[in-house]
Amino acid sequence: MSETWVVDDDGAAPLPSGAAVEVLRARAAAGRPETWLASSCGRSLGFVTNGERAMVVLVDGEGDVGGQAVDPGAEGVSGGFVLSNGQHDTYPDEDTVPVGEAFRIVEHVVRTGSWPADAPAAPAG
């Protein structure tokens, strides 16, 4: 059985191949910048954006700290990351990636089940 992904908080049918980015864009445009995707294999893929940068986290299962996309060498901090619980966060830019890169990472994970080899990652947290 191949891995499938659903938006964790809406109980929808599995995402069709190539639809993850459109779902993330639509949710952010509707004021829901944080999205968690759940896989049929027990993994979770988190995405939160401020419109310019995004944090992407992949957790392999309960108890796993997961890994997140990073931008080595990026300087500064960015705010405006609004979580689903209403919390407003600010992150170092090295702990986030440009939103286009975040979309590419999410699409790759959903399509292939693996983190892109050319996308730097670090333990989440």
PDB file of N, CA and C in Angstrom:
ATOM      1  N   MET A   1       0.840  -1.180   0.000  1.00  0.00           N
ATOM      2  CA  MET A   1       0.000   0.000   0.000  1.00  0.00           C
ATOM      3  C   MET A   1       0.884   1.243   0.000  1.00  0.00           C
ATOM      4  N   SER A   2       0.567   2.215  -0.851  1.00  0.00           N
ATOM      5  CA  SER A   2       1.341   3.443  -0.879  1.00  0.00           C
ATOM      6  C   SER A   2       0.799   4.418   0.167  1.00  0.00           C
ATOM      7  N   GLU A   3       1.669   5.275   0.622  1.00  0.00           N
ATOM      8  CA  GLU A   3       1.308   6.256   1.643  1.00  0.00           C
ATOM      9  C   GLU A   3       0.375   7.305   1.051  1.00  0.00           C
ATOM     10  N   THR A   4      -0.664   7.643   1.803  1.00  0.00           N
ATOM     11  CA  THR A   4      -1.564   8.724   1.404  1.00  0.00           C
ATOM     12  C   THR A   4      -1.570   9.777   2.507  1.00  0.00           C
ATOM     13  N   TRP A   5      -1.967  10.972   2.152  1.00  0.00           N
ATOM     14  CA  TRP A   5      -1.955  12.105   3.083  1.00  0.00           C
ATOM     15  C   TRP A   5      -3.315  12.777   3.085  1.00  0.00           C
ATOM     16  N   VAL A   6      -3.751  13.237   4.275  1.00  0.00           N
ATOM     17  CA  VAL A   6      -4.984  14.010   4.419  1.00  0.00           C
ATOM     18  C   VAL A   6      -4.679  15.245   5.257  1.00  0.00           C
ATOM     19  N   VAL A   7      -5.501  16.277   5.099  1.00  0.00           N
ATOM     20  CA  VAL A   7      -5.409  17.430   5.986  1.00  0.00           C
ATOM     21  C   VAL A   7      -5.944  16.969   7.329  1.00  0.00           C
ATOM     22  N   ASP A   8      -5.124  17.093   8.356  1.00  0.00           N
ATOM     23  CA  ASP A   8      -5.408  16.500   9.660  1.00  0.00           C
ATOM     24  C   ASP A   8      -6.684  16.996  10.312  1.00  0.00           C
ATOM     25  N   ASP A   9      -7.042  18.258  10.130  1.00  0.00           N
ATOM     26  CA  ASP A   9      -8.178  18.803  10.867  1.00  0.00           C
ATOM     27  C   ASP A   9      -9.481  18.886  10.096  1.00  0.00           C
ATOM     28  N   ASP A  10      -9.537  18.301   8.901  1.00  0.00           N
ATOM     29  CA  ASP A  10     -10.815  18.384   8.187  1.00  0.00           C
ATOM     30  C   ASP A  10     -11.392  17.039   7.767  1.00  0.00           C
ATOM     31  N   GLY A  11     -10.693  15.952   8.038  1.00  0.00           N
ATOM     32  CA  GLY A  11     -11.227  14.625   7.753  1.00  0.00           C
ATOM     33  C   GLY A  11     -11.526  14.365   6.286  1.00  0.00           C
ATOM     34  N   ALA A  12     -10.906  15.122   5.428  1.00  0.00           N
ATOM     35  CA  ALA A  12     -11.152  14.992   3.987  1.00  0.00           C
ATOM     36  C   ALA A  12     -10.557  13.703   3.438  1.00  0.00           C
ATOM     37  N   ALA A  13     -10.920  13.434   2.229  1.00  0.00           N
ATOM     38  CA  ALA A  13     -10.361  12.302   1.505  1.00  0.00           C
ATOM     39  C   ALA A  13      -8.874  12.553   1.265  1.00  0.00           C
ATOM     40  N   PRO A  14      -8.124  11.509   0.973  1.00  0.00           N
ATOM     41  CA  PRO A  14      -6.689  11.691   0.693  1.00  0.00           C
ATOM     42  C   PRO A  14      -6.449  12.739  -0.392  1.00  0.00           C
ATOM     43  N   LEU A  15      -5.362  13.476  -0.220  1.00  0.00           N
ATOM     44  CA  LEU A  15      -4.997  14.494  -1.199  1.00  0.00           C
ATOM     45  C   LEU A  15      -4.624  13.840  -2.515  1.00  0.00           C
ATOM     46  N   PRO A  16      -5.183  14.309  -3.607  1.00  0.00           N
ATOM     47  CA  PRO A  16      -4.743  13.806  -4.912  1.00  0.00           C
ATOM     48  C   PRO A  16      -3.294  14.209  -5.153  1.00  0.00           C
ATOM     49  N   SER A  17      -2.589  13.432  -5.951  1.00  0.00           N
ATOM     50  CA  SER A  17      -1.207  13.744  -6.271  1.00  0.00           C
ATOM     51  C   SER A  17      -1.116  15.164  -6.821  1.00  0.00           C
ATOM     52  N   GLY A  18      -0.200  15.936  -6.284  1.00  0.00           N
ATOM     53  CA  GLY A  18       0.012  17.295  -6.759  1.00  0.00           C
ATOM     54  C   GLY A  18      -0.919  18.333  -6.164  1.00  0.00           C
ATOM     55  N   ALA A  19      -1.817  17.959  -5.257  1.00  0.00           N
ATOM     56  CA  ALA A  19      -2.782  18.918  -4.712  1.00  0.00           C
ATOM     57  C   ALA A  19      -2.339  19.566  -3.412  1.00  0.00           C
ATOM     58  N   ALA A  20      -1.278  19.086  -2.799  1.00  0.00           N
ATOM     59  CA  ALA A  20      -0.884  19.584  -1.485  1.00  0.00           C
ATOM     60  C   ALA A  20      -0.593  21.083  -1.505  1.00  0.00           C
ATOM     61  N   VAL A  21       0.128  21.561  -2.487  1.00  0.00           N
ATOM     62  CA  VAL A  21       0.487  22.970  -2.537  1.00  0.00           C
ATOM     63  C   VAL A  21      -0.756  23.834  -2.709  1.00  0.00           C
ATOM     64  N   GLU A  22      -1.687  23.422  -3.550  1.00  0.00           N
ATOM     65  CA  GLU A  22      -2.901  24.198  -3.747  1.00  0.00           C
ATOM     66  C   GLU A  22      -3.715  24.262  -2.454  1.00  0.00           C
ATOM     67  N   VAL A  23      -3.749  23.167  -1.702  1.00  0.00           N
ATOM     68  CA  VAL A  23      -4.455  23.137  -0.423  1.00  0.00           C
ATOM     69  C   VAL A  23      -3.789  24.098   0.559  1.00  0.00           C
ATOM     70  N   LEU A  24      -2.467  24.068   0.655  1.00  0.00           N
ATOM     71  CA  LEU A  24      -1.759  24.965   1.561  1.00  0.00           C
ATOM     72  C   LEU A  24      -1.984  26.428   1.193  1.00  0.00           C
ATOM     73  N   ARG A  25      -1.922  26.739  -0.090  1.00  0.00           N
ATOM     74  CA  ARG A  25      -2.155  28.118  -0.538  1.00  0.00           C
ATOM     75  C   ARG A  25      -3.572  28.567  -0.198  1.00  0.00           C
ATOM     76  N   ALA A  26      -4.539  27.724  -0.467  1.00  0.00           N
ATOM     77  CA  ALA A  26      -5.944  28.077  -0.208  1.00  0.00           C
ATOM     78  C   ALA A  26      -6.192  28.278   1.279  1.00  0.00           C
ATOM     79  N   ARG A  27      -5.634  27.408   2.097  1.00  0.00           N
ATOM     80  CA  ARG A  27      -5.824  27.543   3.543  1.00  0.00           C
ATOM     81  C   ARG A  27      -5.171  28.824   4.064  1.00  0.00           C
ATOM     82  N   ALA A  28      -3.964  29.134   3.608  1.00  0.00           N
ATOM     83  CA  ALA A  28      -3.297  30.363   4.038  1.00  0.00           C
ATOM     84  C   ALA A  28      -4.093  31.587   3.595  1.00  0.00           C
ATOM     85  N   ALA A  29      -4.594  31.571   2.364  1.00  0.00           N
ATOM     86  CA  ALA A  29      -5.388  32.689   1.856  1.00  0.00           C
ATOM     87  C   ALA A  29      -6.685  32.863   2.641  1.00  0.00           C
ATOM     88  N   ALA A  30      -7.194  31.779   3.212  1.00  0.00           N
ATOM     89  CA  ALA A  30      -8.425  31.825   3.999  1.00  0.00           C
ATOM     90  C   ALA A  30      -8.152  32.124   5.476  1.00  0.00           C
ATOM     91  N   GLY A  31      -6.907  32.503   5.797  1.00  0.00           N
ATOM     92  CA  GLY A  31      -6.579  32.846   7.171  1.00  0.00           C
ATOM     93  C   GLY A  31      -6.195  31.664   8.044  1.00  0.00           C
ATOM     94  N   ARG A  32      -5.792  30.562   7.421  1.00  0.00           N
ATOM     95  CA  ARG A  32      -5.355  29.376   8.156  1.00  0.00           C
ATOM     96  C   ARG A  32      -3.930  29.032   7.726  1.00  0.00           C
ATOM     97  N   PRO A  33      -2.943  29.809   8.213  1.00  0.00           N
ATOM     98  CA  PRO A  33      -1.565  29.625   7.752  1.00  0.00           C
ATOM     99  C   PRO A  33      -0.871  28.389   8.305  1.00  0.00           C
ATOM    100  N   GLU A  34      -1.466  27.710   9.290  1.00  0.00           N
ATOM    101  CA  GLU A  34      -0.880  26.475   9.812  1.00  0.00           C
ATOM    102  C   GLU A  34      -1.703  25.289   9.325  1.00  0.00           C
ATOM    103  N   THR A  35      -1.018  24.319   8.753  1.00  0.00           N
ATOM    104  CA  THR A  35      -1.673  23.094   8.282  1.00  0.00           C
ATOM    105  C   THR A  35      -0.829  21.901   8.662  1.00  0.00           C
ATOM    106  N   TRP A  36      -1.485  20.878   9.165  1.00  0.00           N
ATOM    107  CA  TRP A  36      -0.826  19.602   9.427  1.00  0.00           C
ATOM    108  C   TRP A  36      -1.450  18.560   8.519  1.00  0.00           C
ATOM    109  N   LEU A  37      -0.596  17.824   7.824  1.00  0.00           N
ATOM    110  CA  LEU A  37      -1.037  16.700   7.008  1.00  0.00           C
ATOM    111  C   LEU A  37      -0.697  15.429   7.764  1.00  0.00           C
ATOM    112  N   ALA A  38      -1.612  14.470   7.738  1.00  0.00           N
ATOM    113  CA  ALA A  38      -1.400  13.181   8.401  1.00  0.00           C
ATOM    114  C   ALA A  38      -1.313  12.107   7.332  1.00  0.00           C
ATOM    115  N   SER A  39      -0.349  11.202   7.488  1.00  0.00           N
ATOM    116  CA  SER A  39      -0.181  10.143   6.493  1.00  0.00           C
ATOM    117  C   SER A  39      -0.801   8.843   6.983  1.00  0.00           C
ATOM    118  N   SER A  40      -1.081   8.004   6.034  1.00  0.00           N
ATOM    119  CA  SER A  40      -1.638   6.682   6.343  1.00  0.00           C
ATOM    120  C   SER A  40      -0.611   5.797   7.047  1.00  0.00           C
ATOM    121  N   CYS A  41       0.640   6.227   7.089  1.00  0.00           N
ATOM    122  CA  CYS A  41       1.706   5.479   7.760  1.00  0.00           C
ATOM    123  C   CYS A  41       2.018   6.041   9.147  1.00  0.00           C
ATOM    124  N   GLY A  42       1.201   6.994   9.625  1.00  0.00           N
ATOM    125  CA  GLY A  42       1.387   7.541  10.958  1.00  0.00           C
ATOM    126  C   GLY A  42       2.316   8.729  11.048  1.00  0.00           C
ATOM    127  N   ARG A  43       2.734   9.256   9.925  1.00  0.00           N
ATOM    128  CA  ARG A  43       3.621  10.421   9.938  1.00  0.00           C
ATOM    129  C   ARG A  43       2.800  11.702   9.879  1.00  0.00           C
ATOM    130  N   SER A  44       3.417  12.807  10.287  1.00  0.00           N
ATOM    131  CA  SER A  44       2.778  14.122  10.223  1.00  0.00           C
ATOM    132  C   SER A  44       3.714  15.090   9.521  1.00  0.00           C
ATOM    133  N   LEU A  45       3.132  15.948   8.700  1.00  0.00           N
ATOM    134  CA  LEU A  45       3.880  16.956   7.963  1.00  0.00           C
ATOM    135  C   LEU A  45       3.248  18.306   8.279  1.00  0.00           C
ATOM    136  N   GLY A  46       4.010  19.159   8.971  1.00  0.00           N
ATOM    137  CA  GLY A  46       3.494  20.458   9.376  1.00  0.00           C
ATOM    138  C   GLY A  46       4.028  21.577   8.515  1.00  0.00           C
ATOM    139  N   PHE A  47       3.182  22.583   8.322  1.00  0.00           N
ATOM    140  CA  PHE A  47       3.520  23.750   7.502  1.00  0.00           C
ATOM    141  C   PHE A  47       2.880  24.961   8.165  1.00  0.00           C
ATOM    142  N   VAL A  48       3.652  26.002   8.404  1.00  0.00           N
ATOM    143  CA  VAL A  48       3.105  27.279   8.861  1.00  0.00           C
ATOM    144  C   VAL A  48       3.864  28.387   8.144  1.00  0.00           C
ATOM    145  N   THR A  49       3.119  29.380   7.658  1.00  0.00           N
ATOM    146  CA  THR A  49       3.737  30.435   6.869  1.00  0.00           C
ATOM    147  C   THR A  49       3.299  31.808   7.348  1.00  0.00           C
ATOM    148  N   ASN A  50       4.166  32.771   7.088  1.00  0.00           N
ATOM    149  CA  ASN A  50       3.802  34.169   7.302  1.00  0.00           C
ATOM    150  C   ASN A  50       3.589  34.854   5.954  1.00  0.00           C
ATOM    151  N   GLY A  51       3.557  34.076   4.892  1.00  0.00           N
ATOM    152  CA  GLY A  51       3.365  34.598   3.540  1.00  0.00           C
ATOM    153  C   GLY A  51       4.658  34.719   2.752  1.00  0.00           C
ATOM    154  N   GLU A  52       5.768  34.921   3.451  1.00  0.00           N
ATOM    155  CA  GLU A  52       7.063  35.035   2.788  1.00  0.00           C
ATOM    156  C   GLU A  52       7.977  33.855   3.089  1.00  0.00           C
ATOM    157  N   ARG A  53       7.923  33.381   4.325  1.00  0.00           N
ATOM    158  CA  ARG A  53       8.743  32.258   4.759  1.00  0.00           C
ATOM    159  C   ARG A  53       7.815  31.219   5.371  1.00  0.00           C
ATOM    160  N   ALA A  54       8.330  29.994   5.519  1.00  0.00           N
ATOM    161  CA  ALA A  54       7.513  28.941   6.121  1.00  0.00           C
ATOM    162  C   ALA A  54       8.389  27.991   6.911  1.00  0.00           C
ATOM    163  N   MET A  55       7.787  27.408   7.912  1.00  0.00           N
ATOM    164  CA  MET A  55       8.423  26.333   8.661  1.00  0.00           C
ATOM    165  C   MET A  55       7.769  25.038   8.176  1.00  0.00           C
ATOM    166  N   VAL A  56       8.590  24.064   7.852  1.00  0.00           N
ATOM    167  CA  VAL A  56       8.115  22.756   7.423  1.00  0.00           C
ATOM    168  C   VAL A  56       8.734  21.720   8.350  1.00  0.00           C
ATOM    169  N   VAL A  57       7.889  20.882   8.961  1.00  0.00           N
ATOM    170  CA  VAL A  57       8.340  19.878   9.921  1.00  0.00           C
ATOM    171  C   VAL A  57       7.765  18.522   9.508  1.00  0.00           C
ATOM    172  N   LEU A  58       8.610  17.499   9.512  1.00  0.00           N
ATOM    173  CA  LEU A  58       8.178  16.128   9.234  1.00  0.00           C
ATOM    174  C   LEU A  58       8.461  15.285  10.466  1.00  0.00           C
ATOM    175  N   VAL A  59       7.406  14.676  11.005  1.00  0.00           N
ATOM    176  CA  VAL A  59       7.501  13.840  12.198  1.00  0.00           C
ATOM    177  C   VAL A  59       7.130  12.415  11.787  1.00  0.00           C
ATOM    178  N   ASP A  60       7.993  11.458  12.111  1.00  0.00           N
ATOM    179  CA  ASP A  60       7.777  10.080  11.680  1.00  0.00           C
ATOM    180  C   ASP A  60       6.791   9.295  12.531  1.00  0.00           C
ATOM    181  N   GLY A  61       6.396   9.803  13.652  1.00  0.00           N
ATOM    182  CA  GLY A  61       5.423   9.115  14.497  1.00  0.00           C
ATOM    183  C   GLY A  61       5.473   9.661  15.902  1.00  0.00           C
ATOM    184  N   GLU A  62       4.600   9.161  16.746  1.00  0.00           N
ATOM    185  CA  GLU A  62       4.540   9.622  18.119  1.00  0.00           C
ATOM    186  C   GLU A  62       5.884   9.412  18.808  1.00  0.00           C
ATOM    187  N   GLY A  63       6.338  10.437  19.509  1.00  0.00           N
ATOM    188  CA  GLY A  63       7.617  10.360  20.210  1.00  0.00           C
ATOM    189  C   GLY A  63       8.807  10.813  19.382  1.00  0.00           C
ATOM    190  N   ASP A  64       8.645  10.947  18.073  1.00  0.00           N
ATOM    191  CA  ASP A  64       9.727  11.413  17.212  1.00  0.00           C
ATOM    192  C   ASP A  64       9.791  12.937  17.269  1.00  0.00           C
ATOM    193  N   VAL A  65      10.983  13.500  17.456  1.00  0.00           N
ATOM    194  CA  VAL A  65      11.112  14.956  17.475  1.00  0.00           C
ATOM    195  C   VAL A  65      10.965  15.541  16.076  1.00  0.00           C
ATOM    196  N   GLY A  66      11.202  14.726  15.075  1.00  0.00           N
ATOM    197  CA  GLY A  66      11.041  15.171  13.703  1.00  0.00           C
ATOM    198  C   GLY A  66      12.208  15.987  13.198  1.00  0.00           C
ATOM    199  N   GLY A  67      12.084  16.380  11.962  1.00  0.00           N
ATOM    200  CA  GLY A  67      13.075  17.225  11.313  1.00  0.00           C
ATOM    201  C   GLY A  67      12.374  18.396  10.670  1.00  0.00           C
ATOM    202  N   GLN A  68      13.109  19.478  10.494  1.00  0.00           N
ATOM    203  CA  GLN A  68      12.507  20.655   9.874  1.00  0.00           C
ATOM    204  C   GLN A  68      13.418  21.214   8.808  1.00  0.00           C
ATOM    205  N   ALA A  69      12.802  21.876   7.851  1.00  0.00           N
ATOM    206  CA  ALA A  69      13.556  22.542   6.798  1.00  0.00           C
ATOM    207  C   ALA A  69      14.309  23.715   7.401  1.00  0.00           C
ATOM    208  N   VAL A  70      15.544  23.905   6.970  1.00  0.00           N
ATOM    209  CA  VAL A  70      16.360  25.016   7.444  1.00  0.00           C
ATOM    210  C   VAL A  70      16.984  25.742   6.258  1.00  0.00           C
ATOM    211  N   ASP A  71      17.407  26.962   6.524  1.00  0.00           N
ATOM    212  CA  ASP A  71      18.040  27.814   5.525  1.00  0.00           C
ATOM    213  C   ASP A  71      19.392  28.251   6.095  1.00  0.00           C
ATOM    214  N   PRO A  72      20.405  27.351   6.013  1.00  0.00           N
ATOM    215  CA  PRO A  72      21.706  27.663   6.615  1.00  0.00           C
ATOM    216  C   PRO A  72      22.258  28.990   6.098  1.00  0.00           C
ATOM    217  N   GLY A  73      22.727  29.785   7.017  1.00  0.00           N
ATOM    218  CA  GLY A  73      23.311  31.061   6.642  1.00  0.00           C
ATOM    219  C   GLY A  73      22.323  32.214   6.557  1.00  0.00           C
ATOM    220  N   ALA A  74      21.029  31.921   6.609  1.00  0.00           N
ATOM    221  CA  ALA A  74      20.044  33.008   6.584  1.00  0.00           C
ATOM    222  C   ALA A  74      20.194  33.826   7.857  1.00  0.00           C
ATOM    223  N   GLU A  75      20.046  35.123   7.728  1.00  0.00           N
ATOM    224  CA  GLU A  75      20.191  36.006   8.877  1.00  0.00           C
ATOM    225  C   GLU A  75      18.883  36.710   9.159  1.00  0.00           C
ATOM    226  N   GLY A  76      18.696  37.055  10.418  1.00  0.00           N
ATOM    227  CA  GLY A  76      17.517  37.799  10.816  1.00  0.00           C
ATOM    228  C   GLY A  76      16.442  36.900  11.386  1.00  0.00           C
ATOM    229  N   VAL A  77      15.329  37.517  11.685  1.00  0.00           N
ATOM    230  CA  VAL A  77      14.173  36.811  12.213  1.00  0.00           C
ATOM    231  C   VAL A  77      12.941  37.289  11.466  1.00  0.00           C
ATOM    232  N   SER A  78      11.926  36.452  11.447  1.00  0.00           N
ATOM    233  CA  SER A  78      10.663  36.810  10.810  1.00  0.00           C
ATOM    234  C   SER A  78       9.523  36.488  11.750  1.00  0.00           C
ATOM    235  N   GLY A  79       8.581  37.393  11.839  1.00  0.00           N
ATOM    236  CA  GLY A  79       7.386  37.188  12.641  1.00  0.00           C
ATOM    237  C   GLY A  79       6.191  36.942  11.751  1.00  0.00           C
ATOM    238  N   GLY A  80       5.023  36.933  12.377  1.00  0.00           N
ATOM    239  CA  GLY A  80       3.791  36.775  11.623  1.00  0.00           C
ATOM    240  C   GLY A  80       3.375  35.344  11.390  1.00  0.00           C
ATOM    241  N   PHE A  81       3.986  34.405  12.095  1.00  0.00           N
ATOM    242  CA  PHE A  81       3.595  33.002  11.988  1.00  0.00           C
ATOM    243  C   PHE A  81       2.472  32.781  13.010  1.00  0.00           C
ATOM    244  N   VAL A  82       1.252  32.630  12.517  1.00  0.00           N
ATOM    245  CA  VAL A  82       0.101  32.484  13.395  1.00  0.00           C
ATOM    246  C   VAL A  82      -0.310  31.019  13.414  1.00  0.00           C
ATOM    247  N   LEU A  83      -0.243  30.427  14.596  1.00  0.00           N
ATOM    248  CA  LEU A  83      -0.602  29.019  14.760  1.00  0.00           C
ATOM    249  C   LEU A  83      -2.111  28.871  14.924  1.00  0.00           C
ATOM    250  N   SER A  84      -2.601  27.670  14.752  1.00  0.00           N
ATOM    251  CA  SER A  84      -4.041  27.416  14.811  1.00  0.00           C
ATOM    252  C   SER A  84      -4.636  27.728  16.177  1.00  0.00           C
ATOM    253  N   ASN A  85      -3.818  27.737  17.219  1.00  0.00           N
ATOM    254  CA  ASN A  85      -4.317  28.069  18.557  1.00  0.00           C
ATOM    255  C   ASN A  85      -4.300  29.575  18.820  1.00  0.00           C
ATOM    256  N   GLY A  86      -3.961  30.371  17.806  1.00  0.00           N
ATOM    257  CA  GLY A  86      -3.933  31.820  17.930  1.00  0.00           C
ATOM    258  C   GLY A  86      -2.589  32.388  18.343  1.00  0.00           C
ATOM    259  N   GLN A  87      -1.655  31.535  18.677  1.00  0.00           N
ATOM    260  CA  GLN A  87      -0.324  31.982  19.087  1.00  0.00           C
ATOM    261  C   GLN A  87       0.397  32.618  17.908  1.00  0.00           C
ATOM    262  N   HIS A  88       1.057  33.756  18.163  1.00  0.00           N
ATOM    263  CA  HIS A  88       1.848  34.444  17.144  1.00  0.00           C
ATOM    264  C   HIS A  88       3.314  34.172  17.444  1.00  0.00           C
ATOM    265  N   ASP A  89       4.027  33.587  16.470  1.00  0.00           N
ATOM    266  CA  ASP A  89       5.422  33.218  16.673  1.00  0.00           C
ATOM    267  C   ASP A  89       6.352  34.005  15.768  1.00  0.00           C
ATOM    268  N   THR A  90       7.581  34.116  16.241  1.00  0.00           N
ATOM    269  CA  THR A  90       8.689  34.678  15.479  1.00  0.00           C
ATOM    270  C   THR A  90       9.788  33.622  15.475  1.00  0.00           C
ATOM    271  N   TYR A  91      10.388  33.393  14.307  1.00  0.00           N
ATOM    272  CA  TYR A  91      11.426  32.378  14.183  1.00  0.00           C
ATOM    273  C   TYR A  91      12.670  32.971  13.537  1.00  0.00           C
ATOM    274  N   PRO A  92      13.843  32.467  13.903  1.00  0.00           N
ATOM    275  CA  PRO A  92      15.051  32.839  13.160  1.00  0.00           C
ATOM    276  C   PRO A  92      14.888  32.397  11.696  1.00  0.00           C
ATOM    277  N   ASP A  93      15.330  33.234  10.778  1.00  0.00           N
ATOM    278  CA  ASP A  93      15.195  32.878   9.359  1.00  0.00           C
ATOM    279  C   ASP A  93      15.922  31.586   9.013  1.00  0.00           C
ATOM    280  N   GLU A  94      16.982  31.249   9.749  1.00  0.00           N
ATOM    281  CA  GLU A  94      17.677  29.997   9.466  1.00  0.00           C
ATOM    282  C   GLU A  94      16.820  28.774   9.811  1.00  0.00           C
ATOM    283  N   ASP A  95      15.747  28.952  10.597  1.00  0.00           N
ATOM    284  CA  ASP A  95      14.851  27.852  10.959  1.00  0.00           C
ATOM    285  C   ASP A  95      13.613  27.784  10.073  1.00  0.00           C
ATOM    286  N   THR A  96      13.556  28.643   9.057  1.00  0.00           N
ATOM    287  CA  THR A  96      12.462  28.639   8.097  1.00  0.00           C
ATOM    288  C   THR A  96      13.074  28.700   6.700  1.00  0.00           C
ATOM    289  N   VAL A  97      12.226  28.567   5.693  1.00  0.00           N
ATOM    290  CA  VAL A  97      12.691  28.652   4.305  1.00  0.00           C
ATOM    291  C   VAL A  97      11.737  29.560   3.534  1.00  0.00           C
ATOM    292  N   PRO A  98      12.188  30.120   2.409  1.00  0.00           N
ATOM    293  CA  PRO A  98      11.265  30.886   1.575  1.00  0.00           C
ATOM    294  C   PRO A  98      10.042  30.025   1.227  1.00  0.00           C
ATOM    295  N   VAL A  99       8.883  30.649   1.151  1.00  0.00           N
ATOM    296  CA  VAL A  99       7.640  29.885   0.996  1.00  0.00           C
ATOM    297  C   VAL A  99       7.648  29.013  -0.264  1.00  0.00           C
ATOM    298  N   GLY A 100       8.255  29.462  -1.342  1.00  0.00           N
ATOM    299  CA  GLY A 100       8.327  28.636  -2.554  1.00  0.00           C
ATOM    300  C   GLY A 100       9.098  27.349  -2.313  1.00  0.00           C
ATOM    301  N   GLU A 101      10.182  27.438  -1.558  1.00  0.00           N
ATOM    302  CA  GLU A 101      10.963  26.250  -1.215  1.00  0.00           C
ATOM    303  C   GLU A 101      10.150  25.344  -0.300  1.00  0.00           C
ATOM    304  N   ALA A 102       9.401  25.929   0.623  1.00  0.00           N
ATOM    305  CA  ALA A 102       8.548  25.127   1.514  1.00  0.00           C
ATOM    306  C   ALA A 102       7.517  24.345   0.706  1.00  0.00           C
ATOM    307  N   PHE A 103       6.899  24.996  -0.261  1.00  0.00           N
ATOM    308  CA  PHE A 103       5.929  24.296  -1.111  1.00  0.00           C
ATOM    309  C   PHE A 103       6.594  23.135  -1.846  1.00  0.00           C
ATOM    310  N   ARG A 104       7.809  23.370  -2.354  1.00  0.00           N
ATOM    311  CA  ARG A 104       8.523  22.308  -3.070  1.00  0.00           C
ATOM    312  C   ARG A 104       8.803  21.125  -2.149  1.00  0.00           C
ATOM    313  N   ILE A 105       9.214  21.395  -0.915  1.00  0.00           N
ATOM    314  CA  ILE A 105       9.506  20.326   0.037  1.00  0.00           C
ATOM    315  C   ILE A 105       8.247  19.532   0.353  1.00  0.00           C
ATOM    316  N   VAL A 106       7.156  20.234   0.661  1.00  0.00           N
ATOM    317  CA  VAL A 106       5.896  19.548   0.981  1.00  0.00           C
ATOM    318  C   VAL A 106       5.444  18.693  -0.191  1.00  0.00           C
ATOM    319  N   GLU A 107       5.466  19.248  -1.377  1.00  0.00           N
ATOM    320  CA  GLU A 107       5.033  18.496  -2.558  1.00  0.00           C
ATOM    321  C   GLU A 107       5.874  17.240  -2.735  1.00  0.00           C
ATOM    322  N   HIS A 108       7.168  17.352  -2.542  1.00  0.00           N
ATOM    323  CA  HIS A 108       8.065  16.211  -2.705  1.00  0.00           C
ATOM    324  C   HIS A 108       7.777  15.129  -1.673  1.00  0.00           C
ATOM    325  N   VAL A 109       7.601  15.521  -0.406  1.00  0.00           N
ATOM    326  CA  VAL A 109       7.306  14.537   0.639  1.00  0.00           C
ATOM    327  C   VAL A 109       5.984  13.835   0.362  1.00  0.00           C
ATOM    328  N   VAL A 110       4.957  14.587  -0.001  1.00  0.00           N
ATOM    329  CA  VAL A 110       3.649  13.986  -0.263  1.00  0.00           C
ATOM    330  C   VAL A 110       3.705  13.070  -1.488  1.00  0.00           C
ATOM    331  N   ARG A 111       4.448  13.475  -2.499  1.00  0.00           N
ATOM    332  CA  ARG A 111       4.524  12.681  -3.738  1.00  0.00           C
ATOM    333  C   ARG A 111       5.389  11.437  -3.592  1.00  0.00           C
ATOM    334  N   THR A 112       6.546  11.578  -2.898  1.00  0.00           N
ATOM    335  CA  THR A 112       7.517  10.478  -2.871  1.00  0.00           C
ATOM    336  C   THR A 112       7.621   9.771  -1.521  1.00  0.00           C
ATOM    337  N   GLY A 113       7.171  10.443  -0.463  1.00  0.00           N
ATOM    338  CA  GLY A 113       7.308   9.881   0.876  1.00  0.00           C
ATOM    339  C   GLY A 113       8.645  10.167   1.528  1.00  0.00           C
ATOM    340  N   SER A 114       9.516  10.896   0.837  1.00  0.00           N
ATOM    341  CA  SER A 114      10.843  11.175   1.408  1.00  0.00           C
ATOM    342  C   SER A 114      11.161  12.663   1.334  1.00  0.00           C
ATOM    343  N   TRP A 115      12.065  13.075   2.201  1.00  0.00           N
ATOM    344  CA  TRP A 115      12.542  14.454   2.222  1.00  0.00           C
ATOM    345  C   TRP A 115      13.418  14.663   0.998  1.00  0.00           C
ATOM    346  N   PRO A 116      13.334  15.786   0.310  1.00  0.00           N
ATOM    347  CA  PRO A 116      14.201  16.025  -0.848  1.00  0.00           C
ATOM    348  C   PRO A 116      15.671  15.998  -0.446  1.00  0.00           C
ATOM    349  N   ALA A 117      16.482  15.303  -1.202  1.00  0.00           N
ATOM    350  CA  ALA A 117      17.911  15.162  -0.885  1.00  0.00           C
ATOM    351  C   ALA A 117      18.623  16.517  -0.882  1.00  0.00           C
ATOM    352  N   ASP A 118      18.133  17.471  -1.660  1.00  0.00           N
ATOM    353  CA  ASP A 118      18.793  18.762  -1.759  1.00  0.00           C
ATOM    354  C   ASP A 118      18.220  19.817  -0.815  1.00  0.00           C
ATOM    355  N   ALA A 119      17.353  19.423   0.107  1.00  0.00           N
ATOM    356  CA  ALA A 119      16.749  20.371   1.055  1.00  0.00           C
ATOM    357  C   ALA A 119      17.361  20.161   2.436  1.00  0.00           C
ATOM    358  N   PRO A 120      18.142  21.129   2.909  1.00  0.00           N
ATOM    359  CA  PRO A 120      18.743  20.980   4.237  1.00  0.00           C
ATOM    360  C   PRO A 120      17.677  20.824   5.321  1.00  0.00           C
ATOM    361  N   ALA A 121      17.981  19.981   6.287  1.00  0.00           N
ATOM    362  CA  ALA A 121      17.064  19.751   7.413  1.00  0.00           C
ATOM    363  C   ALA A 121      17.871  19.634   8.695  1.00  0.00           C
ATOM    364  N   ALA A 122      17.190  19.881   9.802  1.00  0.00           N
ATOM    365  CA  ALA A 122      17.799  19.758  11.133  1.00  0.00           C
ATOM    366  C   ALA A 122      16.729  19.199  12.055  1.00  0.00           C
ATOM    367  N   PRO A 123      17.126  18.660  13.193  1.00  0.00           N
ATOM    368  CA  PRO A 123      16.128  18.194  14.150  1.00  0.00           C
ATOM    369  C   PRO A 123      15.178  19.341  14.512  1.00  0.00           C
ATOM    370  N   ALA A 124      13.886  19.049  14.585  1.00  0.00           N
ATOM    371  CA  ALA A 124      12.891  20.070  14.921  1.00  0.00           C
ATOM    372  C   ALA A 124      13.073  20.492  16.361  1.00  0.00           C
ATOM    373  N   GLY A 125      12.656  21.710  16.611  1.00  0.00           N
ATOM    374  CA  GLY A 125      12.671  22.143  18.000  1.00  0.00           C
ATOM    375  C   GLY A 125      13.391  23.380  18.163  1.00  0.00           C
TER     376      GLY A 125
END
